[in-house]
């Protein structure tokens, strides 16, 4: 479970732990990994957990992680960067960093772990993508481009699983109240002198497509991952499954 010390990644790790899976937590720093493992153990006594700190944008650290974890049956590619920025302000180095984290982490992990799943005849690869990969925001073009690439990667990998018990799927998440979003909302509320609920309502009110008309909770994304990671999803492969709260479209 890449990028699983907080937010959606942590929620997914918690959901898979509750399902009885042995979960490997990943984050960039040992402190963050240890804290997440400790928290999960308190929430799920007796759970099978361990953590490996590694920056998955770095090929060397990724190789070290892969040597440490060995073979796995379920890979959840979640680690990612996001941020709002004008297109003209995004430098080449920023573009490269986004692709290294959001795309190449999934490339390297899948390249290493998918062959073992195919040999054993069973496995699950799940990519935590975003609705921004199909409807790219004008103020997050760099982010949306990486999520579109992630969807293409997952779709192509699914073709390699034909006739096996292995599946590769993506989740198109909508506006989710992750730790990162919560931090931004809290800062905005403090700067504007209003309560957090007011800022949340204002932000989600600008989104004219979601039928939920609220932020998605990370646990709601995690529930879908738990399904896709399980034997129950055996007939779902090569799919981009929406978890965006429903989409309101307007006929012209």
Foldseek 3Di string as FASTA:
>chain_A
DEPQLWWLNVLLQLLVQVVQDQDEAEEADPVSFVVSQVVSCVVPPPTRYYYDHFQLLDPVRLVVVCVVPDEDQEAEQEWFDFDFAAPVPQDPVNLSSRLSGLPVSLVVVCVSHVVVCLVVQHHEYEYAAAPCLVVPDNRTNSNNVSSVNNLVVQLVVLVVQPPGQYAGEYEHEAAACIPVNQVVLVVVCVVVVHDSVVSQQVVLVVDPFAPVSGHHYSNLVSVVVSCRGDSNCSVDHSYHHYPHRGTDDDDD
